[in-house]
């Protein structure tokens, strides 16, 4: 019955009467089960059923109910019951006359009604219309009539329930040991998909915004708990706690992320705030002994404010010397008793004061003892203290003996949970046009720009179109009407006026249906951008991309108010479309502010780099959060970087004012401040220009002489450094436009100074950065994680925005997509949001969820973008790609409705020539077992394949010897274990060799999403089961990373039988499955792509043959280089006698600087490689097969970096720590 009821709930809601009768029946049965200690998911499912049956929503209208509404409803029910008792049953007179608060508890109701007979209980229930009267019992015989049921019916209907918000606000945000290892709440990673779990689900529809936020809150909390459990088990198992002979705890190991606690003390318990029952603040001091390596000690000392740590109590029962068994349960082996969370306030200095975070270096404290001040969870502290006082339980806070930290990137769960909880405590206001779509109801197309009442008919498209022909091609279904016949004026920019929009507005105002022609018309109005000054750098930057009609439709939708969804397959120009939308909004709506949100820092940096290439003033750009250091520009767009830019720009502009003052011969210090400069402009500059305009003004039809403008212009001296002559004297209009342009240049100086005037009044960098964010910046960019972490800070600052553009929307969690909508307070109860543009591809990889139960059962991996697409909201599907060769594109374009190729992938030279040294531009290479071993699993879920790793590296070396640049080659794989194995092989074979070097990236397919390279070597690893490549979305990402060449190494007999992969592998298997080489070619190639090599190809049968060939090929190349070197020495001549020439080189200089990092967490892993940029050539070359890589030596590393077969993806934070890794294959440690 419980499961059936929950199924109905997922559809919408059970009929009210049915629920009222179901709950008491299920409750009575469950109470009996609980008395018999039969506790399972059924109890949790029943609680979910009760929760949603009594959810705070109007059962008839579906409107959400406030706490006040629920209180009023409860009082009306109790009042009805008291009236029934007063009028029908004199025995209940005391109950009828009592106040509500004294009788609405379960105990009180049972006390008053429990002693009544069945007849009296039935009479009360009949009076309240809870059960049918006796005369209708034979008709409605499905009703259960007995004392237990009716009593439970009355009690469950009338008992007082705590507010959902109150329960939520009293909930500790840190998980404890009771939740972390409760597999009914947090399932293990081995979820089979069978059975029913008591977990909330994220499907298509939600009851209210409160329900939406609550489900996401619970799932996000549980998913974070699962990750915390993994980290605790990893860190505590490394510490290897044992029981000493004196019953103390002895730690037989060590861990980078955990340290034994020397001393713990609660130092402050502040009084509760008014209306609360928990302390307002609880602080404690933790002392640890950091007798570790310097770099690890620095990591502990650099713990920042608000970093989350965990306090752990272990009481092991195993004696000293017992080895930890990873295949046995964790808790019994280590004796873990308690887990509590805490938040870092800071490290204490020698005087006991907290060391504040800031740009100043931290003090160098003596010794190894360090004390940290932390905040404890106030709700959890109250619960623990109540447990001690009421039940005589042990004081948890006197037992902690381990302090554990986590990696910062995966440790932001508390801040996100606080943000969601704050949202639930405030009135969430989303735009009316978006509300029903977010909840999953109403017309899916209601928010499309064509259905919006405020659709804009006339807008400036700026530099979107390259010429008039481009405009005509972009709107094939429209008739183009140009306002002018002058061919010289038919140049962009264009203002477009859509006549069908005007007709819709007229029809709406006249309350009639619009009459639209079969071919709508667009009125085109060319216009000239006013001159901005006489200098060349004053010319505006222009777009150079010839957008396709579909891209133009996406840009049009993004410029209009409403919801815009753009589905962009790989290589279709999603970022270019996003940047053009931002630029057009920036120019059309100067008073509006646009918020850019992406999933990764890399995507944010790509957007910013392209925005800077367009006509957007950089003083209006702001980048929040970390990651701006990866921008390929010397400019700093962070908060303080922008503040420094403004201050430097202010000084530069004041120098221009001083130069202008000198040129005009005005006395005084006019360029002292922005204020004095403003007065100077008003009384000296503007006055002179107005006199100039009056003197050159035409009188009637009399033409003014051409020389008058040049003669009367008052700023000649200021523009002495401008190109000469300043005035061409060809026409009056041209010279006047030049004069106006010069004045605009001067006026802009003072306009910017007026904007910067506040920075003279605000003295601190913090105040200046806040002002910049709230008032100055018009394009603000951040990641979705930063938005979730800093929401309360942004709201308190009064942050406002009008438009949101989200890139990589399909990779962002549902709740992390929703939070950016609410980073501002509503105005008069309404949201000021006008546009929401989401760009993504739901056919590629979804958000990363590590736990399979949450990922699949709860559907937590579904992004908001994907859900809205599933609801049927109209999308703009980009349909032409410009990344890959057409032949490579065919490997994945079957996954999309329509995906063609742009013209340049068939005409540009790099696409028209073959890949030198290879017979085919893409090929599937079958890799059999090496020494009888295919895939190996040195530890659970850590998959490696030595044969494929060696084969990939051998092909990479072959390409480098042919002359391929290393930065154009990336090696990808589908598993973490294989990634580390390939890195080990490359470190041994290539890293120290200046002729070979490192490839651009060695990473996993999941990490490489959103990136590309010319040549991709892909290892699929598995030889027993297909694994998580069965997810077609991962296959699409893997096949679409290459531009010019893709070479896949796999066990063909396994993957060819996978139904999901058939469309791609059918094409791959049309070509030979042994690698075909054209060994007589070199890079770059001159052979056309459709022409086969002149000589028969060399067919490579297996990996050992390829390795031996590459070794021989390398020796041959080295000998040739030696001969050339010594030959050059013999013909050496004195300086001055030799004519310079550039020799032709097949092997270019090793770029060497491309670090092999997937993200920040990989930086330590590759530090040694950064220092190999100028290594000398080795005296001896180690043959490739002289020293093989033993994948079993990675066993301990695999205990830190785990792959899941089906669920966990590479976007998960990696857990490898260099110092804790086992000895690698070359004899050095993991560092």
Foldseek 3Di string as FASTA:
>chain_A
DLVVQVVVVVVPHDPLLVLLQVLLVLVVVVVVCVVVVNDDQSVLSSVVSLPVSLDQADPPPLHGHDPVRSVVVLVVLQQLLLVCCCPPPPLCPVSNPDDLVVQQALVNLCVRLVPDDLVVLVVSCCSVVSDPDPVCCVVVVVHDRDSSSSSSSSNSSNHDDDDPLVVLVLDFLDDKPVQLPPCLLQNDQPDPPDDDGSAAFDAQFASAVLRVLVNVLSLLSSLLSPVVSLQVLLQLLQQQWFQEPVQDIDGPGHDLFKFWWPDKDWDDFACPDPPDDWTPWTKMKTKTFQPDDPVSLVVVQPDAFFFKKKFWFWRADHHPPDHDDPVDDRCNHGRTDIMFMWTFHAKAAPVRDGFHDDPDDTDDHDHGMTMTMIIGGRSVQVVQVCCCVPVVDDRPRRGTTMMGGDDVVSGLSSLLSVLSSVPSVDDDFFFPQCRCLLRNDDDLACQFLVNDLPWDFKAWLAQLAQFVVLVCQLQVLAAEAEPDPPVVQRGDRKIKGWVQSVQCNVCVVVVHDGDADRRTYIYIYHDDDFFQAQAPVSDFQHDDDSAHNLLVVQLSRLLTFGEAEAAEAPFLCLLVSVLSSVVRNCVGPVVFFEEEAEADLVSVLVNVVVNVNGRDPLLQEAEEDDNQVPRPDPQRRYLLSSVVVLVVLLVVLLVLLVLQCVLQVHDDSQSPALVSVVVCCVPPVVVLVVVLCVQCDDDDPDHDQLCSNVVSQSRCSSCVVGDPPQAPSPDNVRRVSSSVSNVSNNVVSSVSRVVSRVVVVDPDSVVSSLCSQAPPHRYYYYYLSVLSNCLVVLAVSQHAGAEYEYEQQQQDWAVSVVSVSRSYDDDPSHHNHTYYYYYHHVLAFFHARSRPCCVPVSVRSGGSSNSSVVSPNDHSYSAERAFAQPLLCQLQQVVDPHHHYDPCCVPPPLNFAAAAFFQAQEAAAAADADPPDAWDPLDAQQIAGQFLLLLLVLVLLLQLLLADAQAQEEEEEFGPNHLVVSVLLCVVAPLLAFSRHHHLARYYLVLCQPAAHAEYEYEHRDDPANFQVLSSNSVSSQSSRHHGHYYYYYNCVHVCPRPSSPSNVVSNVVDDNFTWTDNVHGPPGPHTNPDGDPDGTDTDDHRVSSLQVSLVSVVVSVVVVVVVVVVCVVPDDDPPPDDDDDDDDRRDGHPQQNFHDSDDLCCVQGVVSNVSNPRDHDPDRDRSPPFGFDSSQQSQQCSQARHHRHHGGPVPRGRGDQVRTGQGRVRHGSD
